[in-house]
Amino acid sequence: MSTDYYALLGVSRDASGEDIKKAYRRLARELHPDVNPDPEHQERFKEVTAAYEVLSDPEKRQMYDLGGDPLGSARGGFGAGGFDFGDIMDAFFGGGAARGPRMRARRGQDAMIRIQIDLSDAVFGSTRDLTVDTAVACAACDASGLAPKSSPVTCAMCKGRGEIQQVQRSFLGQVMTARPCPACQGFGTTIPHPCTECSGDGRVRTRRTLTVQIPPGVDTGTRIQLSGEGEVGPNGGPAGDLFVEIVVRPHDLFERRGDELHCMVTVPMTAAALGTTVTLDTLDGPLDVSIAPGTQSGESVTMRGHGAARLRSAGRGDLYVHLSVQTPTRLDAQQEEILRQLAALREETTVQVGQGTTAQGGGLFSRLKDAFSAK
């Protein structure tokens, strides 16, 4: 052949397909009729497009390297025999999707379910049996979608190519476009006798039970991925994944903040003044909480290592027991007398409020300033 396609594109004879595509994209942008409408550039654009059509196709390139004419009568004239417009668009916009019939077997979709668990299960972990409705491979046809003793038939419309081509006229000349075959949906074959169980899809829906391991430390919003437990793909395609999203039920006593647990315990005024021990039903069982004499309302006791487990890490957080001192509102005569005697002994029958000073120390305006500064 007299035309050197490698020289037209400015690449070596051992250039890779990617190098050929880059060279064509560069020249096409320079020579495209929309950029350079003069006849000389249009002719050059036709030549480099013909070179790209040959060198980007492995079979045509091999024929060209052996001295053959892969374009036949279409050589030298853009669109005379119809160029594949998809190849040109791939060169411009970086496409390159595989052509030809599509595979019937495709990966199945992922699925997600939500489950509610108690706080103790979230802290310590647990095992849960789940019942899910998903697509599984059809046992009647072994996921092929075919009725017994039948086989796929080559599509009569596209002759097995999976796409049909159409020649259209444009300012570039005759341009060939391709689209999926409507008769076979791009598969290249049809199933004249589909399986009666799955209607040719190769899968059926069923209910099944599986076990999920909930690790310690999960919280509301945590997702556990079960690989391959989602929807089975059509016609024997691999299954997607199943995601289990955790929702932790509110607890009657404890509130969780990260790996910390918090609770509120109310103690009588006398117990707070004298000190006492309170038995608290924690997630680890009954624990004694020591309350020091003189405890004030709003103080807390820290129970180390009795909080929530740390997800994907060792150890546990802490449990914070917040104390609320309860002042009696109803006193009988004897109780009131005893308290009056105690107040007299402590010289607390009247409250002396200093100028701008509170019992907790610090000026009033200073404390107000600190409160607003903290915000």
Protein backbone atom coordinates (compact mmCIF):
# COMPACT_ATOMS: atom_id res chain seq x y z
CA MET A 1 0.00 0.00 0.00
CA SER A 2 1.31 3.47 -0.91
CA THR A 3 -0.11 5.31 2.13
CA ASP A 4 1.98 5.10 5.31
CA TYR A 5 -0.61 5.25 8.09
CA TYR A 6 2.05 5.28 10.81
CA ALA A 7 3.68 8.35 9.25
CA LEU A 8 0.29 10.07 8.90
CA LEU A 9 -0.29 9.74 12.65
CA GLY A 10 3.37 10.38 13.52
CA VAL A 11 3.86 7.16 15.49
CA SER A 12 6.30 4.26 15.22
CA ARG A 13 5.28 0.90 13.79
CA ASP A 14 5.42 -0.67 17.28
CA ALA A 15 3.26 2.04 18.87
CA SER A 16 0.68 0.90 21.40
CA GLY A 17 -3.04 1.36 20.94
CA GLU A 18 -3.05 4.16 23.52
CA ASP A 19 -0.23 6.00 21.69
CA ILE A 20 -2.19 5.72 18.43
CA LYS A 21 -5.33 7.09 20.08
CA LYS A 22 -3.44 10.04 21.60
CA ALA A 23 -1.83 10.88 18.26
CA TYR A 24 -5.16 10.81 16.46
CA ARG A 25 -6.88 12.95 19.08
CA ARG A 26 -4.15 15.57 18.76
CA LEU A 27 -4.36 15.65 14.94
CA ALA A 28 -8.16 15.50 14.86
CA ARG A 29 -8.46 18.56 17.06
CA GLU A 30 -6.08 20.40 14.74
CA LEU A 31 -7.59 19.29 11.44
CA HIS A 32 -11.29 18.97 12.24
CA PRO A 33 -13.48 20.80 9.65
CA ASP A 34 -15.06 22.87 12.41
CA VAL A 35 -11.61 24.27 13.19
CA ASN A 36 -10.06 24.35 9.70
CA PRO A 37 -12.76 24.31 7.01
CA ASP A 38 -10.40 24.73 4.04
CA PRO A 39 -10.29 21.79 1.57
CA GLU A 40 -6.64 20.96 2.26
CA HIS A 41 -7.24 20.38 5.97
CA GLN A 42 -10.45 18.46 5.25
CA GLU A 43 -8.56 16.06 3.01
CA ARG A 44 -5.84 15.64 5.62
CA PHE A 45 -8.50 14.99 8.27
CA LYS A 46 -9.96 12.21 6.12
CA GLU A 47 -6.53 10.63 5.73
CA VAL A 48 -5.63 10.61 9.43
CA THR A 49 -9.12 9.33 10.29
CA ALA A 50 -8.66 6.46 7.85
CA ALA A 51 -5.25 5.78 9.39
CA TYR A 52 -6.76 5.70 12.87
CA GLU A 53 -9.55 3.34 11.79
CA VAL A 54 -6.98 0.87 10.51
CA LEU A 55 -4.35 1.11 13.25
CA SER A 56 -6.83 1.15 16.16
CA ASP A 57 -8.37 -2.15 15.03
CA PRO A 58 -6.01 -5.11 15.74
CA GLU A 59 -7.33 -7.18 12.81
CA LYS A 60 -7.15 -4.31 10.31
CA ARG A 61 -3.72 -3.32 11.61
CA GLN A 62 -2.42 -6.84 11.15
CA MET A 63 -3.79 -6.95 7.61
CA TYR A 64 -2.18 -3.58 6.88
CA ASP A 65 1.20 -4.68 8.29
CA LEU A 66 1.07 -7.75 6.02
CA GLY A 67 0.53 -5.56 2.97
CA GLY A 68 -3.23 -5.98 2.65
CA ASP A 69 -5.87 -3.29 2.13
CA PRO A 70 -8.15 -3.36 5.22
CA LEU A 71 -10.37 -0.55 3.91
CA GLY A 72 -10.90 -1.99 0.46
CA SER A 73 -12.62 0.47 -1.82
CA ALA A 74 -13.15 2.87 1.07
CA ARG A 75 -9.39 3.64 1.34
CA GLY A 76 -8.51 7.24 0.82
CA GLY A 77 -12.03 8.66 1.15
CA PHE A 78 -13.54 9.40 4.54
CA GLY A 79 -16.89 7.75 4.93
CA ALA A 80 -16.92 6.12 1.50
CA GLY A 81 -17.49 2.77 3.13
CA GLY A 82 -18.76 4.17 6.41
CA PHE A 83 -16.49 4.74 9.43
CA ASP A 84 -17.52 3.68 12.90
CA PHE A 85 -18.58 6.94 14.53
CA GLY A 86 -18.14 5.34 17.96
CA ASP A 87 -14.41 4.93 17.35
CA ILE A 88 -14.11 8.60 16.45
CA MET A 89 -16.02 9.66 19.56
CA ASP A 90 -13.83 7.35 21.64
CA ALA A 91 -10.74 9.05 20.29
CA PHE A 92 -12.13 12.52 21.07
CA PHE A 93 -13.60 11.81 24.52
CA GLY A 94 -11.53 8.94 25.86
CA GLY A 95 -14.08 6.18 25.44
CA GLY A 96 -13.12 2.69 24.45
CA ALA A 97 -15.96 0.58 25.80
CA ALA A 98 -15.92 -2.99 24.59
CA ARG A 99 -18.05 -3.65 21.54
CA GLY A 100 -19.88 -6.76 20.50
CA PRO A 101 -22.51 -8.82 22.30
CA ARG A 102 -22.99 -8.28 26.01
CA MET A 103 -22.65 -11.03 28.56
CA ARG A 104 -25.93 -12.29 29.96
CA ALA A 105 -24.31 -13.07 33.30
CA ARG A 106 -23.90 -9.86 35.31
CA ARG A 107 -23.12 -9.06 38.92
CA GLY A 108 -26.14 -8.85 41.18
CA GLN A 109 -27.17 -5.77 43.10
CA ASP A 110 -26.15 -4.98 46.65
CA ALA A 111 -28.87 -5.10 49.29
CA MET A 112 -29.29 -3.51 52.71
CA ILE A 113 -31.45 -4.29 55.72
CA ARG A 114 -31.74 -2.56 59.09
CA ILE A 115 -31.90 -4.40 62.39
CA GLN A 116 -32.55 -3.11 65.91
CA ILE A 117 -30.41 -4.35 68.78
CA ASP A 118 -30.24 -3.63 72.52
CA LEU A 119 -27.47 -1.53 74.04
CA SER A 120 -25.93 -4.59 75.69
CA ASP A 121 -25.60 -6.29 72.26
CA ALA A 122 -23.93 -3.15 70.90
CA VAL A 123 -21.48 -3.04 73.81
CA PHE A 124 -20.55 -6.71 74.00
CA GLY A 125 -21.39 -7.93 70.49
CA SER A 126 -23.81 -10.70 69.59
CA THR A 127 -24.93 -13.12 66.89
CA ARG A 128 -28.18 -12.58 65.02
CA ASP A 129 -30.09 -14.83 62.61
CA LEU A 130 -31.58 -12.84 59.74
CA THR A 131 -34.36 -13.85 57.37
CA VAL A 132 -34.00 -12.10 54.02
CA ASP A 133 -35.84 -12.22 50.69
CA THR A 134 -33.28 -12.13 47.86
CA ALA A 135 -32.71 -13.48 44.38
CA VAL A 136 -30.89 -16.83 44.21
CA ALA A 137 -29.76 -18.97 41.28
CA CYS A 138 -32.57 -20.93 39.65
CA ALA A 139 -32.07 -24.60 40.41
CA ALA A 140 -34.37 -25.76 37.61
CA CYS A 141 -32.11 -24.43 34.83
CA ASP A 142 -28.85 -24.11 36.77
CA ALA A 143 -29.03 -20.30 36.31
CA SER A 144 -28.87 -20.58 32.51
CA GLY A 145 -32.42 -19.34 31.91
CA LEU A 146 -32.98 -22.12 29.37
CA ALA A 147 -35.68 -24.73 29.32
CA PRO A 148 -34.46 -28.35 29.45
CA LYS A 149 -32.84 -29.59 26.23
CA SER A 150 -32.83 -26.12 24.66
CA SER A 151 -30.08 -23.68 23.78
CA PRO A 152 -29.73 -20.02 22.80
CA VAL A 153 -30.26 -19.03 19.19
CA THR A 154 -28.16 -16.49 17.31
CA CYS A 155 -30.14 -13.31 16.85
CA ALA A 156 -31.52 -13.06 13.33
CA MET A 157 -31.47 -9.25 13.33
CA CYS A 158 -27.87 -8.55 14.37
CA LYS A 159 -26.38 -11.94 13.37
CA GLY A 160 -24.88 -12.35 16.85
CA ARG A 161 -23.07 -9.00 16.94
CA GLY A 162 -25.32 -7.60 19.67
CA GLU A 163 -25.63 -4.28 17.86
CA ILE A 164 -27.02 -2.92 14.66
CA GLN A 165 -25.32 -0.33 12.51
CA GLN A 166 -26.83 2.52 10.58
CA VAL A 167 -25.22 4.82 8.01
CA GLN A 168 -26.13 8.50 8.21
CA ARG A 169 -25.01 11.51 6.23
CA SER A 170 -23.43 14.44 8.07
CA PHE A 171 -21.03 17.29 7.40
CA LEU A 172 -18.25 14.69 7.83
CA GLY A 173 -19.69 12.52 5.07
CA GLN A 174 -21.28 9.15 5.65
CA VAL A 175 -21.03 8.22 9.34
CA MET A 176 -21.82 4.78 10.70
CA THR A 177 -23.45 4.62 14.14
CA ALA A 178 -24.10 1.54 16.24
CA ARG A 179 -26.70 0.84 18.92
CA PRO A 180 -27.73 -2.27 20.89
CA CYS A 181 -29.88 -4.65 18.92
CA PRO A 182 -33.54 -4.23 19.98
CA ALA A 183 -34.33 -7.87 19.23
CA CYS A 184 -31.78 -9.41 21.62
CA GLN A 185 -31.07 -6.37 23.86
CA GLY A 186 -27.43 -6.51 22.88
CA PHE A 187 -26.77 -10.11 23.91
CA GLY A 188 -26.33 -11.45 20.37
CA THR A 189 -28.57 -14.43 21.13
CA THR A 190 -32.19 -15.00 22.02
CA ILE A 191 -33.81 -17.64 24.23
CA PRO A 192 -36.75 -19.09 22.33
CA HIS A 193 -37.59 -21.54 25.13
CA PRO A 194 -36.97 -19.91 28.52
CA CYS A 195 -37.07 -21.76 31.80
CA THR A 196 -40.59 -21.80 33.19
CA GLU A 197 -39.36 -21.28 36.76
CA CYS A 198 -37.31 -18.11 36.23
CA SER A 199 -38.71 -16.90 32.86
CA GLY A 200 -35.22 -16.88 31.37
CA ASP A 201 -33.61 -14.67 34.04
CA GLY A 202 -31.64 -17.51 35.62
CA ARG A 203 -32.69 -16.57 39.16
CA VAL A 204 -35.73 -16.70 41.42
CA ARG A 205 -36.65 -14.96 44.64
CA THR A 206 -36.71 -16.94 47.83
CA ARG A 207 -36.56 -16.50 51.59
CA ARG A 208 -33.44 -17.68 53.35
CA THR A 209 -31.84 -17.41 56.76
CA LEU A 210 -28.27 -16.36 57.43
CA THR A 211 -26.25 -15.56 60.54
CA VAL A 212 -24.55 -12.22 61.10
CA GLN A 213 -21.86 -11.62 63.69
CA ILE A 214 -22.28 -8.22 65.38
CA PRO A 215 -18.90 -7.04 66.69
CA PRO A 216 -18.56 -5.25 70.04
CA GLY A 217 -18.70 -1.47 69.84
CA VAL A 218 -21.21 -1.00 67.01
CA ASP A 219 -23.50 2.00 67.19
CA THR A 220 -26.51 3.35 65.33
CA GLY A 221 -25.49 3.81 61.69
CA THR A 222 -22.77 1.15 61.70
CA ARG A 223 -22.95 -1.06 58.60
CA ILE A 224 -21.74 -4.63 58.50
CA GLN A 225 -20.81 -5.92 55.04
CA LEU A 226 -21.59 -9.54 54.16
CA SER A 227 -19.75 -10.21 50.91
CA GLY A 228 -21.63 -12.29 48.35
CA GLU A 229 -24.85 -12.40 50.38
CA GLY A 230 -26.76 -9.87 48.25
CA GLU A 231 -28.75 -10.39 45.06
CA VAL A 232 -27.48 -13.12 42.73
CA GLY A 233 -26.78 -11.73 39.26
CA PRO A 234 -28.83 -12.67 36.17
CA ASN A 235 -27.93 -15.90 34.39
CA GLY A 236 -25.37 -17.10 36.90
CA GLY A 237 -23.70 -13.75 37.57
CA PRO A 238 -21.91 -13.28 40.92
CA ALA A 239 -23.93 -12.10 43.88
CA GLY A 240 -23.70 -8.59 45.27
CA ASP A 241 -23.07 -7.79 48.91
CA LEU A 242 -25.53 -7.50 51.79
CA PHE A 243 -25.14 -4.56 54.16
CA VAL A 244 -26.65 -4.80 57.64
CA GLU A 245 -27.25 -1.37 59.19
CA ILE A 246 -27.41 -1.24 62.98
CA VAL A 247 -30.01 0.71 64.97
CA VAL A 248 -29.45 0.66 68.77
CA ARG A 249 -32.61 0.90 70.87
CA PRO A 250 -32.67 3.60 73.59
CA HIS A 251 -31.86 2.29 77.07
CA ASP A 252 -34.00 3.06 80.12
CA LEU A 253 -31.02 4.07 82.29
CA PHE A 254 -27.89 4.60 80.20
CA GLU A 255 -27.13 7.12 77.50
CA ARG A 256 -24.25 6.42 75.12
CA ARG A 257 -21.80 9.07 73.88
CA GLY A 258 -19.16 7.40 71.75
CA ASP A 259 -17.49 4.80 73.95
CA GLU A 260 -18.79 6.44 77.15
CA LEU A 261 -21.94 5.53 79.08
CA HIS A 262 -23.76 8.06 81.27
CA CYS A 263 -26.54 7.65 83.81
CA MET A 264 -28.25 9.76 86.49
CA VAL A 265 -28.65 8.56 90.09
CA THR A 266 -30.70 10.46 92.67
CA VAL A 267 -29.52 10.28 96.32
CA PRO A 268 -31.22 11.74 99.42
CA MET A 269 -29.76 14.86 100.97
CA THR A 270 -28.72 13.03 104.12
CA ALA A 271 -26.96 10.28 102.15
CA ALA A 272 -25.09 12.87 100.12
CA ALA A 273 -24.05 14.67 103.29
CA LEU A 274 -22.97 11.58 105.20
CA GLY A 275 -21.75 9.47 102.28
CA THR A 276 -23.13 6.12 101.23
CA THR A 277 -22.84 3.22 98.81
CA VAL A 278 -25.35 2.70 96.01
CA THR A 279 -25.78 -0.59 94.15
CA LEU A 280 -26.21 0.12 90.42
CA ASP A 281 -27.43 -2.42 87.86
CA THR A 282 -24.91 -1.89 85.04
CA LEU A 283 -24.46 -3.78 81.78
CA ASP A 284 -21.79 -5.78 83.60
CA GLY A 285 -24.15 -6.65 86.45
CA PRO A 286 -24.64 -5.07 89.89
CA LEU A 287 -21.81 -2.72 90.90
CA ASP A 288 -21.34 -0.72 94.12
CA VAL A 289 -20.92 3.02 93.60
CA SER A 290 -19.26 4.83 96.52
CA ILE A 291 -20.63 8.30 97.21
CA ALA A 292 -18.26 10.43 99.26
CA PRO A 293 -19.56 12.51 102.20
CA GLY A 294 -20.49 16.03 101.19
CA THR A 295 -21.31 15.13 97.59
CA GLN A 296 -22.99 17.98 95.73
CA SER A 297 -25.68 17.77 93.12
CA GLY A 298 -24.13 17.66 89.63
CA GLU A 299 -20.99 15.78 90.65
CA SER A 300 -20.23 12.42 89.06
CA VAL A 301 -18.47 9.19 89.86
CA THR A 302 -16.35 7.52 87.15
CA MET A 303 -16.43 3.75 86.77
CA ARG A 304 -13.37 2.90 84.71
CA GLY A 305 -13.75 0.33 81.93
CA HIS A 306 -17.50 -0.10 82.29
CA GLY A 307 -18.51 1.90 79.21
CA ALA A 308 -19.00 0.76 75.62
CA ALA A 309 -16.45 -1.30 73.72
CA ARG A 310 -14.31 0.50 71.13
CA LEU A 311 -15.14 -0.68 67.62
CA ARG A 312 -12.09 -2.10 65.82
CA SER A 313 -9.97 -1.38 68.90
CA ALA A 314 -9.21 -2.96 72.25
CA GLY A 315 -10.63 -1.83 75.56
CA ARG A 316 -13.78 -0.11 76.72
CA GLY A 317 -14.75 3.41 77.66
CA ASP A 318 -15.88 4.58 81.10
CA LEU A 319 -19.24 4.76 82.86
CA TYR A 320 -20.09 8.15 84.37
CA VAL A 321 -22.62 8.14 87.21
CA HIS A 322 -24.05 11.64 87.59
CA LEU A 323 -25.49 12.44 91.01
CA SER A 324 -28.56 14.48 91.80
CA VAL A 325 -29.06 15.38 95.48
CA GLN A 326 -32.72 15.28 96.44
CA THR A 327 -33.96 17.81 98.99
CA PRO A 328 -37.03 16.65 100.96
CA THR A 329 -40.19 18.61 100.29
CA ARG A 330 -42.45 17.13 102.95
CA LEU A 331 -41.29 16.91 106.58
CA ASP A 332 -43.21 15.84 109.65
CA ALA A 333 -42.86 17.80 112.88
CA GLN A 334 -40.06 15.63 114.29
CA GLN A 335 -38.03 15.75 111.06
CA GLU A 336 -38.45 19.50 110.81
CA GLU A 337 -37.31 19.95 114.42
CA ILE A 338 -34.22 17.84 113.85
CA LEU A 339 -33.30 19.85 110.77
CA ARG A 340 -33.80 23.10 112.69
CA GLN A 341 -31.47 21.83 115.39
CA LEU A 342 -28.91 20.88 112.73
CA ALA A 343 -29.22 24.30 111.13
CA ALA A 344 -28.71 25.97 114.52
CA LEU A 345 -25.63 23.86 115.21
CA ARG A 346 -24.20 24.78 111.80
CA GLU A 347 -25.27 28.40 112.19
CA GLU A 348 -27.30 28.13 109.01
CA THR A 349 -30.59 29.54 110.26
CA THR A 350 -30.01 32.55 108.00
CA VAL A 351 -28.10 32.86 104.76
CA GLN A 352 -25.61 35.72 104.49
CA VAL A 353 -25.05 36.69 100.88
CA GLY A 354 -21.97 38.85 100.39
CA GLN A 355 -21.88 41.73 97.94
CA GLY A 356 -21.54 40.14 94.52
CA THR A 357 -20.34 36.88 96.07
CA THR A 358 -21.82 33.39 95.97
CA ALA A 359 -21.30 30.45 98.22
CA GLN A 360 -19.32 28.69 95.51
CA GLY A 361 -16.68 31.39 95.45
CA GLY A 362 -15.81 34.08 92.91
CA GLY A 363 -17.63 37.27 92.07
CA LEU A 364 -21.07 37.01 90.58
CA PHE A 365 -20.24 39.12 87.57
CA SER A 366 -16.99 37.23 87.13
CA ARG A 367 -18.87 33.92 87.07
CA LEU A 368 -21.41 35.29 84.58
CA LYS A 369 -18.54 36.45 82.36
CA ASP A 370 -16.94 33.02 82.53
CA ALA A 371 -20.25 31.35 81.65
CA PHE A 372 -20.75 33.51 78.57
CA SER A 373 -17.08 33.09 77.57
CA ALA A 374 -17.47 29.32 77.69
CA LYS A 375 -20.22 29.57 75.10
